[in-house]
Amino acid sequence: MKSRTLASSIAAPVAAAVLGSVATSTGMKSLWYRTLRKPSIQPPGPVFPVVWTGLYASTAWASVDAQAQMTPDEASTYRRKLALNMALNAGWCWSFFRGHQLVPSIAVAGALAASSADLARTAGGASKRAGWALVPYTVWNTFATVLTAAIWRKNRNR
């Protein structure tokens, strides 16, 4: 296995997790977030770090597995897609929790969900198990889009 594959597969999710956590940890404590009206589909706060830890770990694993089956050009394309996906991932946290921008956050979440589906499709083309490992990540990001839109609907007059 090439060191570039291992490094990018682990570094991208770790970087997204760290950058997203910086925005989220302070954002969840903000008066703005605490006073938002949340929809009934909002999971309890402790669910998020547990789910995200698993999703980042499965994304790293799937990325290593998929790239091991790819040609160098395919792996390079996959790494670019992974980098974009993780930038969108962290970007949502900054748009929502730090920027307090609900409508742009819906757009970022939607782009993240689409990017996640493409990442799963691309990984699945090289390794079926890697593609399937990314399905929960895609589903969660799709749910995040729905949740962000539901939060906006409940708070659009703010």
C-alpha atoms as a PDB file:
ATOM      1  CA  MET A   1       0.000   0.000   0.000  1.00  0.00           C
ATOM      2  CA  LYS A   2       1.320   3.408  -0.907  1.00  0.00           C
ATOM      3  CA  SER A   3       1.998   5.832   1.910  1.00  0.00           C
ATOM      4  CA  ARG A   4       0.064   8.547   0.013  1.00  0.00           C
ATOM      5  CA  THR A   5      -3.042   6.353   0.095  1.00  0.00           C
ATOM      6  CA  LEU A   6      -2.752   5.663   3.798  1.00  0.00           C
ATOM      7  CA  ALA A   7      -1.889   9.260   4.666  1.00  0.00           C
ATOM      8  CA  SER A   8      -4.723  10.829   2.671  1.00  0.00           C
ATOM      9  CA  SER A   9      -7.270   8.248   3.779  1.00  0.00           C
ATOM     10  CA  ILE A  10      -6.550   8.921   7.433  1.00  0.00           C
ATOM     11  CA  ALA A  11      -5.494  12.587   7.353  1.00  0.00           C
ATOM     12  CA  ALA A  12      -8.553  13.878   5.482  1.00  0.00           C
ATOM     13  CA  PRO A  13     -11.156  12.497   7.936  1.00  0.00           C
ATOM     14  CA  VAL A  14      -8.999  13.429  10.937  1.00  0.00           C
ATOM     15  CA  ALA A  15      -8.591  16.995   9.637  1.00  0.00           C
ATOM     16  CA  ALA A  16     -12.336  17.290   8.972  1.00  0.00           C
ATOM     17  CA  ALA A  17     -13.090  15.933  12.442  1.00  0.00           C
ATOM     18  CA  VAL A  18     -10.715  18.366  14.137  1.00  0.00           C
ATOM     19  CA  LEU A  19     -11.810  21.410  12.134  1.00  0.00           C
ATOM     20  CA  GLY A  20     -15.474  20.519  12.488  1.00  0.00           C
ATOM     21  CA  SER A  21     -15.098  19.907  16.220  1.00  0.00           C
ATOM     22  CA  VAL A  22     -13.576  23.349  16.742  1.00  0.00           C
ATOM     23  CA  ALA A  23     -16.641  25.002  15.225  1.00  0.00           C
ATOM     24  CA  THR A  24     -19.137  22.593  16.750  1.00  0.00           C
ATOM     25  CA  SER A  25     -17.873  22.526  20.324  1.00  0.00           C
ATOM     26  CA  THR A  26     -18.103  26.276  20.779  1.00  0.00           C
ATOM     27  CA  GLY A  27     -21.128  26.620  18.501  1.00  0.00           C
ATOM     28  CA  MET A  28     -23.288  24.196  20.456  1.00  0.00           C
ATOM     29  CA  LYS A  29     -22.681  26.256  23.578  1.00  0.00           C
ATOM     30  CA  SER A  30     -23.644  29.530  21.907  1.00  0.00           C
ATOM     31  CA  LEU A  31     -26.820  31.377  22.803  1.00  0.00           C
ATOM     32  CA  TRP A  32     -27.761  31.323  19.112  1.00  0.00           C
ATOM     33  CA  TYR A  33     -27.732  27.509  18.951  1.00  0.00           C
ATOM     34  CA  ARG A  34     -29.276  26.950  22.372  1.00  0.00           C
ATOM     35  CA  THR A  35     -32.251  29.162  21.463  1.00  0.00           C
ATOM     36  CA  LEU A  36     -32.910  27.594  18.065  1.00  0.00           C
ATOM     37  CA  ARG A  37     -36.180  25.719  17.862  1.00  0.00           C
ATOM     38  CA  LYS A  38     -35.235  22.122  17.031  1.00  0.00           C
ATOM     39  CA  PRO A  39     -37.444  19.713  15.074  1.00  0.00           C
ATOM     40  CA  SER A  40     -38.569  16.409  16.573  1.00  0.00           C
ATOM     41  CA  ILE A  41     -36.115  14.551  14.319  1.00  0.00           C
ATOM     42  CA  GLN A  42     -33.158  16.208  16.103  1.00  0.00           C
ATOM     43  CA  PRO A  43     -31.131  13.451  17.812  1.00  0.00           C
ATOM     44  CA  PRO A  44     -29.910  14.065  21.366  1.00  0.00           C
ATOM     45  CA  GLY A  45     -26.555  15.871  21.550  1.00  0.00           C
ATOM     46  CA  PRO A  46     -24.515  12.872  22.786  1.00  0.00           C
ATOM     47  CA  VAL A  47     -25.446  10.903  19.641  1.00  0.00           C
ATOM     48  CA  PHE A  48     -23.418  13.147  17.336  1.00  0.00           C
ATOM     49  CA  PRO A  49     -19.853  12.470  18.553  1.00  0.00           C
ATOM     50  CA  VAL A  50     -20.525   8.727  18.707  1.00  0.00           C
ATOM     51  CA  VAL A  51     -21.968   8.620  15.191  1.00  0.00           C
ATOM     52  CA  TRP A  52     -19.313  10.893  13.712  1.00  0.00           C
ATOM     53  CA  THR A  53     -16.443   8.903  15.228  1.00  0.00           C
ATOM     54  CA  GLY A  54     -17.757   5.765  13.566  1.00  0.00           C
ATOM     55  CA  LEU A  55     -18.404   7.503  10.267  1.00  0.00           C
ATOM     56  CA  TYR A  56     -14.939   9.057  10.109  1.00  0.00           C
ATOM     57  CA  ALA A  57     -13.346   5.697  10.961  1.00  0.00           C
ATOM     58  CA  SER A  58     -15.365   3.840   8.309  1.00  0.00           C
ATOM     59  CA  THR A  59     -14.577   6.531   5.746  1.00  0.00           C
ATOM     60  CA  ALA A  60     -10.852   6.169   6.433  1.00  0.00           C
ATOM     61  CA  TRP A  61     -11.033   2.379   6.231  1.00  0.00           C
ATOM     62  CA  ALA A  62     -13.129   2.404   3.050  1.00  0.00           C
ATOM     63  CA  SER A  63     -10.791   4.925   1.448  1.00  0.00           C
ATOM     64  CA  VAL A  64      -7.731   2.771   2.130  1.00  0.00           C
ATOM     65  CA  ASP A  65      -9.514  -0.346   0.879  1.00  0.00           C
ATOM     66  CA  ALA A  66     -10.857   1.281  -2.290  1.00  0.00           C
ATOM     67  CA  GLN A  67      -7.609   2.955  -3.273  1.00  0.00           C
ATOM     68  CA  ALA A  68      -5.718  -0.311  -2.838  1.00  0.00           C
ATOM     69  CA  GLN A  69      -7.819  -1.669  -5.737  1.00  0.00           C
ATOM     70  CA  MET A  70      -7.465   1.414  -7.979  1.00  0.00           C
ATOM     71  CA  THR A  71      -4.988   2.415 -10.636  1.00  0.00           C
ATOM     72  CA  PRO A  72      -2.762   5.347  -9.680  1.00  0.00           C
ATOM     73  CA  ASP A  73      -4.911   7.739 -11.750  1.00  0.00           C
ATOM     74  CA  GLU A  74      -8.132   6.433 -10.205  1.00  0.00           C
ATOM     75  CA  ALA A  75      -6.644   6.727  -6.715  1.00  0.00           C
ATOM     76  CA  SER A  76      -5.567  10.300  -7.433  1.00  0.00           C
ATOM     77  CA  THR A  77      -9.108  11.173  -8.535  1.00  0.00           C
ATOM     78  CA  TYR A  78     -10.507   9.468  -5.444  1.00  0.00           C
ATOM     79  CA  ARG A  79      -8.180  11.456  -3.165  1.00  0.00           C
ATOM     80  CA  ARG A  80      -9.410  14.710  -4.743  1.00  0.00           C
ATOM     81  CA  LYS A  81     -13.017  13.637  -4.199  1.00  0.00           C
ATOM     82  CA  LEU A  82     -12.231  12.691  -0.596  1.00  0.00           C
ATOM     83  CA  ALA A  83     -10.534  16.046   0.029  1.00  0.00           C
ATOM     84  CA  LEU A  84     -13.531  17.931  -1.401  1.00  0.00           C
ATOM     85  CA  ASN A  85     -15.919  15.819   0.659  1.00  0.00           C
ATOM     86  CA  MET A  86     -14.044  16.436   3.884  1.00  0.00           C
ATOM     87  CA  ALA A  87     -13.816  20.175   3.128  1.00  0.00           C
ATOM     88  CA  LEU A  88     -17.613  20.236   2.734  1.00  0.00           C
ATOM     89  CA  ASN A  89     -17.923  18.189   5.917  1.00  0.00           C
ATOM     90  CA  ALA A  90     -15.931  20.658   8.009  1.00  0.00           C
ATOM     91  CA  GLY A  91     -17.401  23.598   6.078  1.00  0.00           C
ATOM     92  CA  TRP A  92     -20.921  22.741   7.190  1.00  0.00           C
ATOM     93  CA  CYS A  93     -19.863  22.996  10.843  1.00  0.00           C
ATOM     94  CA  TRP A  94     -18.379  26.438  10.249  1.00  0.00           C
ATOM     95  CA  SER A  95     -21.339  27.652   8.181  1.00  0.00           C
ATOM     96  CA  PHE A  96     -23.908  26.422  10.681  1.00  0.00           C
ATOM     97  CA  PHE A  97     -22.338  26.689  14.135  1.00  0.00           C
ATOM     98  CA  ARG A  98     -19.988  29.617  13.638  1.00  0.00           C
ATOM     99  CA  GLY A  99     -21.617  31.474  10.765  1.00  0.00           C
ATOM    100  CA  HIS A 100     -25.213  30.970  11.916  1.00  0.00           C
ATOM    101  CA  GLN A 101     -26.107  30.761   8.220  1.00  0.00           C
ATOM    102  CA  LEU A 102     -29.027  28.359   7.937  1.00  0.00           C
ATOM    103  CA  VAL A 103     -29.799  28.631   4.225  1.00  0.00           C
ATOM    104  CA  PRO A 104     -26.167  28.352   3.096  1.00  0.00           C
ATOM    105  CA  SER A 105     -25.782  25.452   5.531  1.00  0.00           C
ATOM    106  CA  ILE A 106     -28.609  23.618   3.759  1.00  0.00           C
ATOM    107  CA  ALA A 107     -26.732  24.064   0.472  1.00  0.00           C
ATOM    108  CA  VAL A 108     -23.456  22.846   2.001  1.00  0.00           C
ATOM    109  CA  ALA A 109     -25.206  19.841   3.558  1.00  0.00           C
ATOM    110  CA  GLY A 110     -26.831  19.000   0.229  1.00  0.00           C
ATOM    111  CA  ALA A 111     -23.497  19.258  -1.570  1.00  0.00           C
ATOM    112  CA  LEU A 112     -21.941  17.063   1.139  1.00  0.00           C
ATOM    113  CA  ALA A 113     -24.668  14.437   0.726  1.00  0.00           C
ATOM    114  CA  ALA A 114     -24.178  14.402  -3.056  1.00  0.00           C
ATOM    115  CA  SER A 115     -20.409  14.256  -2.649  1.00  0.00           C
ATOM    116  CA  SER A 116     -20.775  11.391  -0.166  1.00  0.00           C
ATOM    117  CA  ALA A 117     -22.930   9.425  -2.601  1.00  0.00           C
ATOM    118  CA  ASP A 118     -20.344   9.999  -5.334  1.00  0.00           C
ATOM    119  CA  LEU A 119     -17.548   8.926  -2.983  1.00  0.00           C
ATOM    120  CA  ALA A 120     -19.445   5.717  -2.147  1.00  0.00           C
ATOM    121  CA  ARG A 121     -20.084   5.082  -5.848  1.00  0.00           C
ATOM    122  CA  THR A 122     -16.447   5.676  -6.736  1.00  0.00           C
ATOM    123  CA  ALA A 123     -15.176   3.493  -3.887  1.00  0.00           C
ATOM    124  CA  GLY A 124     -17.715   0.809  -4.749  1.00  0.00           C
ATOM    125  CA  GLY A 125     -16.422   0.678  -8.311  1.00  0.00           C
ATOM    126  CA  ALA A 126     -13.087  -0.507  -6.950  1.00  0.00           C
ATOM    127  CA  SER A 127     -14.235  -2.444  -3.892  1.00  0.00           C
ATOM    128  CA  LYS A 128     -17.836  -3.386  -3.190  1.00  0.00           C
ATOM    129  CA  ARG A 129     -17.168  -3.599   0.546  1.00  0.00           C
ATOM    130  CA  ALA A 130     -15.630  -0.088   0.537  1.00  0.00           C
ATOM    131  CA  GLY A 131     -18.643   1.269  -1.326  1.00  0.00           C
ATOM    132  CA  TRP A 132     -21.034  -0.347   1.147  1.00  0.00           C
ATOM    133  CA  ALA A 133     -18.961   0.935   4.075  1.00  0.00           C
ATOM    134  CA  LEU A 134     -19.632   4.492   2.844  1.00  0.00           C
ATOM    135  CA  VAL A 135     -23.412   4.041   2.614  1.00  0.00           C
ATOM    136  CA  PRO A 136     -24.047   4.950   6.299  1.00  0.00           C
ATOM    137  CA  TYR A 137     -21.957   8.111   5.815  1.00  0.00           C
ATOM    138  CA  THR A 138     -24.075   9.032   2.785  1.00  0.00           C
ATOM    139  CA  VAL A 139     -27.324   8.313   4.641  1.00  0.00           C
ATOM    140  CA  TRP A 140     -26.238  10.378   7.658  1.00  0.00           C
ATOM    141  CA  ASN A 141     -25.246  13.328   5.469  1.00  0.00           C
ATOM    142  CA  THR A 142     -28.555  13.116   3.653  1.00  0.00           C
ATOM    143  CA  PHE A 143     -30.309  13.129   7.039  1.00  0.00           C
ATOM    144  CA  ALA A 144     -28.173  16.145   8.025  1.00  0.00           C
ATOM    145  CA  THR A 145     -29.502  17.994   4.986  1.00  0.00           C
ATOM    146  CA  VAL A 146     -33.090  17.216   5.971  1.00  0.00           C
ATOM    147  CA  LEU A 147     -32.375  18.177   9.592  1.00  0.00           C
ATOM    148  CA  THR A 148     -30.715  21.466   8.615  1.00  0.00           C
ATOM    149  CA  ALA A 149     -33.692  22.353   6.408  1.00  0.00           C
ATOM    150  CA  ALA A 150     -36.089  21.451   9.232  1.00  0.00           C
ATOM    151  CA  ILE A 151     -34.177  23.697  11.640  1.00  0.00           C
ATOM    152  CA  TRP A 152     -34.358  26.529   9.111  1.00  0.00           C
ATOM    153  CA  ARG A 153     -38.132  26.025   8.691  1.00  0.00           C
ATOM    154  CA  LYS A 154     -38.680  26.247  12.450  1.00  0.00           C
ATOM    155  CA  ASN A 155     -36.468  29.362  12.760  1.00  0.00           C
ATOM    156  CA  ARG A 156     -36.827  31.233   9.462  1.00  0.00           C
ATOM    157  CA  ASN A 157     -38.207  34.353  11.162  1.00  0.00           C
ATOM    158  CA  ARG A 158     -35.071  34.824  13.281  1.00  0.00           C
END
